[in-house]
Amino acid sequence: MSDQDVEKEAHSIYKGDGGNDFHDLDGSNSKRTKTFESGEYTIPSNPETPTSGHSTSSRPIGRDKAKRKGKGKVTQSDSINAQCVADLHALRLAKDNENEIARARLQLEREKLDRPSMKMYQKMLLKLLEKEHLSPEDQDMKRNLTEILFGK
């Protein structure tokens, strides 16, 4: 049995069940035509086929158009976010200034606390310098005091 015989037998079975003739359509007959400026296509309806209706399909958005859409105007939420960022930046600057002032105050307080001890170190060094003969411990103390007072 050849392919044509099998096809004829299938057509006769189809006609016997439904009573209608079988129309062999492989889908290559439909032609898409552009009907709208928006890029929509329509497929002309075929009156011989009962299932084919008027169907439209929209064209997918292009790459460049999608990029332009993403770069659209700034929305209100974007401007709110930008305002929040600006506020946080200003707050950080204010905190940095406060921290710098606190560091300067601490440095001044340390210097004030060091002044009496420096005076005490000076007095001790003067006492050691007044002595004619120094013990090895006194010489070590003298060297340490000169390093503290005058640096290395």
N, C-alpha and C. Protein backbone atom coordinates (compact mmCIF):
# COMPACT_ATOMS: atom_id res chain seq x y z
N MET A 1 0.86 -1.17 0.00
CA MET A 1 0.00 0.00 0.00
C MET A 1 0.90 1.23 0.00
N SER A 2 0.64 2.17 -0.87
CA SER A 2 1.49 3.35 -1.00
C SER A 2 0.97 4.46 -0.08
N ASP A 3 1.76 5.52 0.00
CA ASP A 3 1.38 6.65 0.84
C ASP A 3 0.09 7.30 0.35
N GLN A 4 -0.09 7.34 -0.95
CA GLN A 4 -1.31 7.97 -1.50
C GLN A 4 -2.54 7.14 -1.14
N ASP A 5 -2.42 5.84 -1.17
CA ASP A 5 -3.54 4.97 -0.80
C ASP A 5 -3.91 5.16 0.66
N VAL A 6 -2.89 5.26 1.52
CA VAL A 6 -3.14 5.47 2.95
C VAL A 6 -3.84 6.81 3.16
N GLU A 7 -3.39 7.82 2.43
CA GLU A 7 -4.00 9.15 2.58
C GLU A 7 -5.45 9.14 2.10
N LYS A 8 -5.75 8.48 0.98
CA LYS A 8 -7.12 8.41 0.47
C LYS A 8 -8.03 7.69 1.46
N GLU A 9 -7.52 6.63 2.06
CA GLU A 9 -8.32 5.89 3.03
C GLU A 9 -8.60 6.74 4.27
N ALA A 10 -7.60 7.52 4.71
CA ALA A 10 -7.80 8.41 5.86
C ALA A 10 -8.84 9.47 5.53
N HIS A 11 -8.82 9.99 4.30
CA HIS A 11 -9.81 11.00 3.89
C HIS A 11 -11.22 10.39 3.87
N SER A 12 -11.33 9.18 3.41
CA SER A 12 -12.66 8.56 3.36
C SER A 12 -13.19 8.29 4.77
N ILE A 13 -12.30 7.90 5.71
CA ILE A 13 -12.73 7.69 7.09
C ILE A 13 -13.17 9.02 7.70
N TYR A 14 -12.42 10.08 7.44
CA TYR A 14 -12.76 11.39 7.97
C TYR A 14 -14.10 11.85 7.42
N LYS A 15 -14.33 11.66 6.13
CA LYS A 15 -15.59 12.09 5.51
C LYS A 15 -16.75 11.28 6.06
N GLY A 16 -16.52 10.03 6.33
CA GLY A 16 -17.59 9.18 6.85
C GLY A 16 -17.98 9.57 8.28
N ASP A 17 -17.03 9.98 9.10
CA ASP A 17 -17.32 10.34 10.49
C ASP A 17 -18.00 11.70 10.59
N GLY A 18 -17.45 12.69 9.96
CA GLY A 18 -17.95 14.04 10.13
C GLY A 18 -18.86 14.50 9.02
N GLY A 19 -18.78 13.90 7.87
CA GLY A 19 -19.61 14.30 6.77
C GLY A 19 -19.03 15.44 5.96
N ASN A 20 -18.00 16.08 6.42
CA ASN A 20 -17.38 17.17 5.67
C ASN A 20 -16.16 16.67 4.92
N ASP A 21 -15.82 17.38 3.87
CA ASP A 21 -14.61 17.05 3.14
C ASP A 21 -13.38 17.50 3.94
N PHE A 22 -12.31 16.75 3.84
CA PHE A 22 -11.05 17.09 4.51
C PHE A 22 -10.26 18.03 3.62
N HIS A 23 -9.88 19.16 4.15
CA HIS A 23 -9.07 20.11 3.39
C HIS A 23 -7.64 20.03 3.92
N ASP A 24 -6.73 19.68 3.07
CA ASP A 24 -5.33 19.50 3.45
C ASP A 24 -4.63 20.86 3.49
N LEU A 25 -4.39 21.36 4.70
CA LEU A 25 -3.69 22.64 4.87
C LEU A 25 -2.46 22.39 5.74
N ASP A 26 -1.30 22.75 5.25
CA ASP A 26 -0.09 22.54 6.04
C ASP A 26 0.38 23.81 6.73
N GLY A 27 -0.33 24.89 6.62
CA GLY A 27 0.03 26.14 7.31
C GLY A 27 0.88 27.06 6.47
N SER A 28 1.35 26.60 5.33
CA SER A 28 2.21 27.47 4.53
C SER A 28 1.40 28.41 3.65
N ASN A 29 0.09 28.23 3.62
CA ASN A 29 -0.74 29.08 2.78
C ASN A 29 -1.06 30.41 3.44
N SER A 30 -0.94 30.47 4.77
CA SER A 30 -1.33 31.72 5.43
C SER A 30 -0.23 32.75 5.25
N LYS A 31 -0.61 33.95 4.95
CA LYS A 31 0.33 35.03 4.72
C LYS A 31 0.06 36.11 5.75
N ARG A 32 1.12 36.51 6.44
CA ARG A 32 0.96 37.57 7.44
C ARG A 32 1.11 38.91 6.75
N THR A 33 0.20 39.79 7.05
CA THR A 33 0.28 41.14 6.48
C THR A 33 0.26 42.14 7.61
N LYS A 34 1.02 43.18 7.44
CA LYS A 34 1.08 44.24 8.45
C LYS A 34 -0.10 45.17 8.20
N THR A 35 -0.90 45.40 9.23
CA THR A 35 -2.09 46.22 9.03
C THR A 35 -2.05 47.51 9.81
N PHE A 36 -1.29 47.56 10.88
CA PHE A 36 -1.28 48.74 11.73
C PHE A 36 0.12 49.33 11.79
N GLU A 37 0.19 50.60 12.09
CA GLU A 37 1.49 51.25 12.23
C GLU A 37 2.23 50.76 13.46
N SER A 38 1.50 50.23 14.43
CA SER A 38 2.13 49.75 15.65
C SER A 38 2.91 48.46 15.41
N GLY A 39 2.80 47.88 14.23
CA GLY A 39 3.57 46.69 13.93
C GLY A 39 2.82 45.40 14.12
N GLU A 40 1.50 45.44 14.33
CA GLU A 40 0.73 44.22 14.51
C GLU A 40 0.51 43.54 13.16
N TYR A 41 0.50 42.23 13.18
CA TYR A 41 0.26 41.45 11.98
C TYR A 41 -1.09 40.76 12.10
N THR A 42 -1.71 40.54 10.97
CA THR A 42 -2.94 39.76 10.97
C THR A 42 -2.77 38.63 9.96
N ILE A 43 -3.40 37.52 10.24
CA ILE A 43 -3.41 36.40 9.32
C ILE A 43 -4.80 36.34 8.72
N PRO A 44 -4.91 36.45 7.40
CA PRO A 44 -6.25 36.45 6.81
C PRO A 44 -6.98 35.15 7.12
N SER A 45 -8.24 35.28 7.43
CA SER A 45 -9.03 34.09 7.78
C SER A 45 -9.37 33.33 6.51
N ASN A 46 -9.37 32.02 6.63
CA ASN A 46 -9.69 31.15 5.51
C ASN A 46 -11.10 30.63 5.72
N PRO A 47 -12.04 31.00 4.89
CA PRO A 47 -13.42 30.57 5.12
C PRO A 47 -13.62 29.07 4.99
N GLU A 48 -12.69 28.35 4.35
CA GLU A 48 -12.86 26.92 4.17
C GLU A 48 -12.53 26.15 5.45
N THR A 49 -11.71 26.72 6.32
CA THR A 49 -11.36 26.01 7.55
C THR A 49 -12.22 26.53 8.68
N PRO A 50 -12.90 25.65 9.39
CA PRO A 50 -13.80 26.10 10.44
C PRO A 50 -13.08 26.61 11.69
N THR A 51 -11.84 26.17 11.94
CA THR A 51 -11.17 26.55 13.18
C THR A 51 -10.35 27.82 13.04
N SER A 52 -10.06 28.24 11.84
CA SER A 52 -9.21 29.42 11.71
C SER A 52 -10.04 30.67 11.90
N GLY A 53 -9.66 31.47 12.87
CA GLY A 53 -10.35 32.71 13.14
C GLY A 53 -9.42 33.87 12.87
N HIS A 54 -9.84 35.03 13.21
CA HIS A 54 -9.04 36.23 13.00
C HIS A 54 -8.10 36.37 14.21
N SER A 55 -6.82 36.09 14.01
CA SER A 55 -5.88 36.17 15.13
C SER A 55 -4.83 37.23 14.84
N THR A 56 -4.52 37.98 15.86
CA THR A 56 -3.47 39.00 15.72
C THR A 56 -2.37 38.67 16.71
N SER A 57 -1.18 38.95 16.31
CA SER A 57 -0.05 38.77 17.23
C SER A 57 0.75 40.06 17.22
N SER A 58 1.16 40.48 18.40
CA SER A 58 1.92 41.73 18.47
C SER A 58 3.40 41.42 18.31
N ARG A 59 4.08 42.32 17.73
CA ARG A 59 5.50 42.18 17.46
C ARG A 59 6.29 42.42 18.75
N PRO A 60 7.31 41.62 19.03
CA PRO A 60 8.09 41.83 20.26
C PRO A 60 8.86 43.14 20.19
N ILE A 61 9.09 43.70 21.37
CA ILE A 61 9.77 44.98 21.45
C ILE A 61 11.24 44.77 21.07
N GLY A 62 11.78 45.70 20.32
CA GLY A 62 13.16 45.59 19.87
C GLY A 62 14.16 45.93 20.95
N ARG A 63 15.41 45.59 20.71
CA ARG A 63 16.47 45.81 21.69
C ARG A 63 16.67 47.29 21.98
N ASP A 64 16.77 48.11 20.92
CA ASP A 64 17.01 49.54 21.12
C ASP A 64 15.83 50.22 21.80
N LYS A 65 14.62 49.82 21.43
CA LYS A 65 13.45 50.42 22.05
C LYS A 65 13.37 50.04 23.52
N ALA A 66 13.76 48.82 23.85
CA ALA A 66 13.77 48.39 25.25
C ALA A 66 14.77 49.21 26.05
N LYS A 67 15.93 49.51 25.44
CA LYS A 67 16.92 50.34 26.13
C LYS A 67 16.38 51.74 26.38
N ARG A 68 15.74 52.31 25.35
CA ARG A 68 15.18 53.65 25.51
C ARG A 68 14.09 53.67 26.57
N LYS A 69 13.31 52.58 26.61
CA LYS A 69 12.25 52.50 27.61
C LYS A 69 12.84 52.47 29.01
N GLY A 70 13.97 51.77 29.18
CA GLY A 70 14.63 51.71 30.47
C GLY A 70 15.24 53.03 30.89
N LYS A 71 15.58 53.87 29.92
CA LYS A 71 16.18 55.17 30.22
C LYS A 71 15.12 56.26 30.27
N GLY A 72 13.91 55.90 30.58
CA GLY A 72 12.81 56.86 30.59
C GLY A 72 13.00 57.96 31.60
N LYS A 73 12.02 58.82 31.69
CA LYS A 73 12.09 59.95 32.61
C LYS A 73 12.17 59.48 34.05
N VAL A 74 12.76 60.31 34.87
CA VAL A 74 12.90 59.99 36.29
C VAL A 74 11.52 60.06 36.93
N THR A 75 11.19 58.99 37.63
CA THR A 75 9.89 58.97 38.30
C THR A 75 10.02 59.59 39.68
N GLN A 76 8.90 59.71 40.32
CA GLN A 76 8.90 60.34 41.64
C GLN A 76 9.67 59.48 42.65
N SER A 77 9.58 58.16 42.53
CA SER A 77 10.30 57.30 43.47
C SER A 77 11.80 57.46 43.30
N ASP A 78 12.27 57.67 42.06
CA ASP A 78 13.69 57.90 41.83
C ASP A 78 14.12 59.21 42.47
N SER A 79 13.29 60.24 42.36
CA SER A 79 13.66 61.52 42.96
C SER A 79 13.63 61.43 44.48
N ILE A 80 12.73 60.63 45.03
CA ILE A 80 12.69 60.43 46.48
C ILE A 80 13.96 59.71 46.92
N ASN A 81 14.37 58.69 46.16
CA ASN A 81 15.61 57.98 46.48
C ASN A 81 16.80 58.91 46.41
N ALA A 82 16.84 59.77 45.41
CA ALA A 82 17.95 60.71 45.29
C ALA A 82 17.96 61.68 46.47
N GLN A 83 16.78 62.10 46.91
CA GLN A 83 16.69 63.00 48.06
C GLN A 83 17.18 62.30 49.32
N CYS A 84 16.82 61.02 49.49
CA CYS A 84 17.27 60.26 50.66
C CYS A 84 18.79 60.12 50.65
N VAL A 85 19.36 59.87 49.49
CA VAL A 85 20.82 59.76 49.39
C VAL A 85 21.47 61.08 49.75
N ALA A 86 20.91 62.18 49.26
CA ALA A 86 21.48 63.50 49.58
C ALA A 86 21.37 63.78 51.08
N ASP A 87 20.24 63.43 51.68
CA ASP A 87 20.07 63.64 53.13
C ASP A 87 21.07 62.81 53.93
N LEU A 88 21.26 61.55 53.53
CA LEU A 88 22.22 60.70 54.23
C LEU A 88 23.65 61.23 54.09
N HIS A 89 23.96 61.75 52.92
CA HIS A 89 25.30 62.32 52.70
C HIS A 89 25.51 63.53 53.60
N ALA A 90 24.51 64.39 53.70
CA ALA A 90 24.62 65.57 54.57
C ALA A 90 24.74 65.15 56.03
N LEU A 91 23.99 64.13 56.42
CA LEU A 91 24.06 63.64 57.80
C LEU A 91 25.45 63.07 58.10
N ARG A 92 26.01 62.34 57.15
CA ARG A 92 27.35 61.79 57.34
C ARG A 92 28.39 62.90 57.48
N LEU A 93 28.27 63.96 56.68
CA LEU A 93 29.20 65.08 56.79
C LEU A 93 29.08 65.75 58.15
N ALA A 94 27.86 65.92 58.64
CA ALA A 94 27.66 66.53 59.95
C ALA A 94 28.29 65.66 61.05
N LYS A 95 28.09 64.35 60.97
CA LYS A 95 28.68 63.44 61.96
C LYS A 95 30.21 63.47 61.89
N ASP A 96 30.75 63.54 60.68
CA ASP A 96 32.21 63.63 60.53
C ASP A 96 32.74 64.90 61.18
N ASN A 97 32.04 66.01 61.00
CA ASN A 97 32.46 67.27 61.63
C ASN A 97 32.40 67.16 63.15
N GLU A 98 31.34 66.56 63.68
CA GLU A 98 31.22 66.38 65.13
C GLU A 98 32.36 65.51 65.66
N ASN A 99 32.68 64.45 64.93
CA ASN A 99 33.77 63.57 65.36
C ASN A 99 35.11 64.29 65.34
N GLU A 100 35.34 65.11 64.35
CA GLU A 100 36.59 65.87 64.27
C GLU A 100 36.71 66.85 65.44
N ILE A 101 35.62 67.49 65.79
CA ILE A 101 35.63 68.42 66.94
C ILE A 101 35.90 67.65 68.22
N ALA A 102 35.29 66.48 68.37
CA ALA A 102 35.50 65.66 69.57
C ALA A 102 36.96 65.21 69.67
N ARG A 103 37.57 64.85 68.53
CA ARG A 103 38.98 64.46 68.54
C ARG A 103 39.87 65.62 68.97
N ALA A 104 39.58 66.82 68.46
CA ALA A 104 40.37 67.99 68.84
C ALA A 104 40.26 68.27 70.34
N ARG A 105 39.05 68.14 70.89
CA ARG A 105 38.86 68.35 72.33
C ARG A 105 39.65 67.33 73.15
N LEU A 106 39.61 66.09 72.73
CA LEU A 106 40.35 65.05 73.44
C LEU A 106 41.86 65.32 73.40
N GLN A 107 42.34 65.77 72.26
CA GLN A 107 43.77 66.09 72.14
C GLN A 107 44.15 67.22 73.09
N LEU A 108 43.32 68.26 73.16
CA LEU A 108 43.60 69.37 74.08
C LEU A 108 43.59 68.90 75.54
N GLU A 109 42.63 68.05 75.88
CA GLU A 109 42.57 67.54 77.25
C GLU A 109 43.80 66.70 77.58
N ARG A 110 44.27 65.91 76.64
CA ARG A 110 45.48 65.12 76.87
C ARG A 110 46.69 66.02 77.09
N GLU A 111 46.76 67.07 76.28
CA GLU A 111 47.88 68.01 76.45
C GLU A 111 47.82 68.68 77.81
N LYS A 112 46.62 69.04 78.25
CA LYS A 112 46.48 69.66 79.58
C LYS A 112 46.91 68.69 80.67
N LEU A 113 46.54 67.43 80.52
CA LEU A 113 46.93 66.43 81.51
C LEU A 113 48.43 66.16 81.49
N ASP A 114 49.04 66.27 80.33
CA ASP A 114 50.47 66.02 80.22
C ASP A 114 51.31 67.16 80.78
N ARG A 115 50.77 68.36 80.83
CA ARG A 115 51.55 69.52 81.30
C ARG A 115 52.08 69.34 82.73
N PRO A 116 51.27 68.95 83.71
CA PRO A 116 51.82 68.78 85.07
C PRO A 116 52.90 67.69 85.13
N SER A 117 52.69 66.61 84.40
CA SER A 117 53.71 65.56 84.43
C SER A 117 54.99 66.04 83.76
N MET A 118 54.87 66.86 82.72
CA MET A 118 56.07 67.41 82.07
C MET A 118 56.82 68.31 83.04
N LYS A 119 56.08 69.09 83.80
CA LYS A 119 56.75 69.95 84.78
C LYS A 119 57.46 69.10 85.83
N MET A 120 56.80 68.02 86.21
CA MET A 120 57.41 67.13 87.19
C MET A 120 58.68 66.49 86.61
N TYR A 121 58.62 66.08 85.33
CA TYR A 121 59.80 65.49 84.69
C TYR A 121 60.94 66.51 84.60
N GLN A 122 60.58 67.77 84.30
CA GLN A 122 61.61 68.82 84.23
C GLN A 122 62.29 69.00 85.59
N LYS A 123 61.50 69.04 86.64
CA LYS A 123 62.06 69.20 87.99
C LYS A 123 62.97 68.03 88.34
N MET A 124 62.56 66.82 87.99
CA MET A 124 63.38 65.66 88.28
C MET A 124 64.70 65.71 87.51
N LEU A 125 64.63 66.13 86.24
CA LEU A 125 65.84 66.23 85.43
C LEU A 125 66.78 67.29 85.99
N LEU A 126 66.22 68.43 86.42
CA LEU A 126 67.06 69.48 87.01
C LEU A 126 67.77 68.97 88.27
N LYS A 127 67.08 68.22 89.09
CA LYS A 127 67.68 67.66 90.30
C LYS A 127 68.83 66.72 89.94
N LEU A 128 68.61 65.90 88.88
CA LEU A 128 69.66 64.98 88.48
C LEU A 128 70.86 65.72 87.89
N LEU A 129 70.59 66.81 87.17
CA LEU A 129 71.68 67.59 86.58
C LEU A 129 72.49 68.32 87.64
N GLU A 130 71.87 68.65 88.77
CA GLU A 130 72.57 69.35 89.84
C GLU A 130 73.56 68.43 90.57
N LYS A 131 73.32 67.15 90.52
CA LYS A 131 74.20 66.21 91.20
C LYS A 131 75.51 66.09 90.43
N GLU A 132 76.60 65.95 91.18
CA GLU A 132 77.90 65.82 90.52
C GLU A 132 78.15 64.37 90.13
N HIS A 133 77.86 63.44 90.98
CA HIS A 133 78.11 62.03 90.70
C HIS A 133 76.77 61.29 90.67
N LEU A 134 76.52 60.61 89.54
CA LEU A 134 75.25 59.88 89.37
C LEU A 134 75.49 58.38 89.41
N SER A 135 74.59 57.70 90.05
CA SER A 135 74.64 56.24 90.05
C SER A 135 74.16 55.74 88.68
N PRO A 136 74.38 54.48 88.36
CA PRO A 136 73.91 53.96 87.06
C PRO A 136 72.39 54.07 86.91
N GLU A 137 71.63 53.90 88.00
CA GLU A 137 70.17 54.06 87.92
C GLU A 137 69.81 55.50 87.62
N ASP A 138 70.53 56.45 88.26
CA ASP A 138 70.27 57.87 88.02
C ASP A 138 70.62 58.24 86.58
N GLN A 139 71.68 57.67 86.04
CA GLN A 139 72.05 57.97 84.65
C GLN A 139 70.98 57.45 83.69
N ASP A 140 70.44 56.26 83.96
CA ASP A 140 69.36 55.72 83.12
C ASP A 140 68.13 56.62 83.21
N MET A 141 67.80 57.07 84.42
CA MET A 141 66.65 57.95 84.60
C MET A 141 66.88 59.26 83.87
N LYS A 142 68.09 59.80 83.94
CA LYS A 142 68.42 61.06 83.26
C LYS A 142 68.25 60.90 81.75
N ARG A 143 68.74 59.79 81.21
CA ARG A 143 68.61 59.55 79.77
C ARG A 143 67.13 59.42 79.39
N ASN A 144 66.36 58.70 80.16
CA ASN A 144 64.92 58.53 79.88
C ASN A 144 64.18 59.86 79.96
N LEU A 145 64.49 60.67 80.94
CA LEU A 145 63.82 61.97 81.08
C LEU A 145 64.17 62.90 79.93
N THR A 146 65.41 62.90 79.48
CA THR A 146 65.78 63.75 78.34
C THR A 146 65.07 63.28 77.07
N GLU A 147 64.90 61.97 76.91
CA GLU A 147 64.16 61.46 75.74
C GLU A 147 62.70 61.89 75.80
N ILE A 148 62.12 61.82 77.00
CA ILE A 148 60.71 62.20 77.15
C ILE A 148 60.53 63.69 76.89
N LEU A 149 61.41 64.50 77.46
CA LEU A 149 61.23 65.96 77.36
C LEU A 149 61.66 66.51 76.01
N PHE A 150 62.74 66.01 75.46
CA PHE A 150 63.30 66.62 74.25
C PHE A 150 63.25 65.70 73.03
N GLY A 151 62.74 64.55 73.18
CA GLY A 151 62.68 63.62 72.06
C GLY A 151 64.01 62.92 71.90
N LYS A 152 64.13 62.06 70.98
CA LYS A 152 65.36 61.27 70.80
C LYS A 152 66.44 62.03 70.13
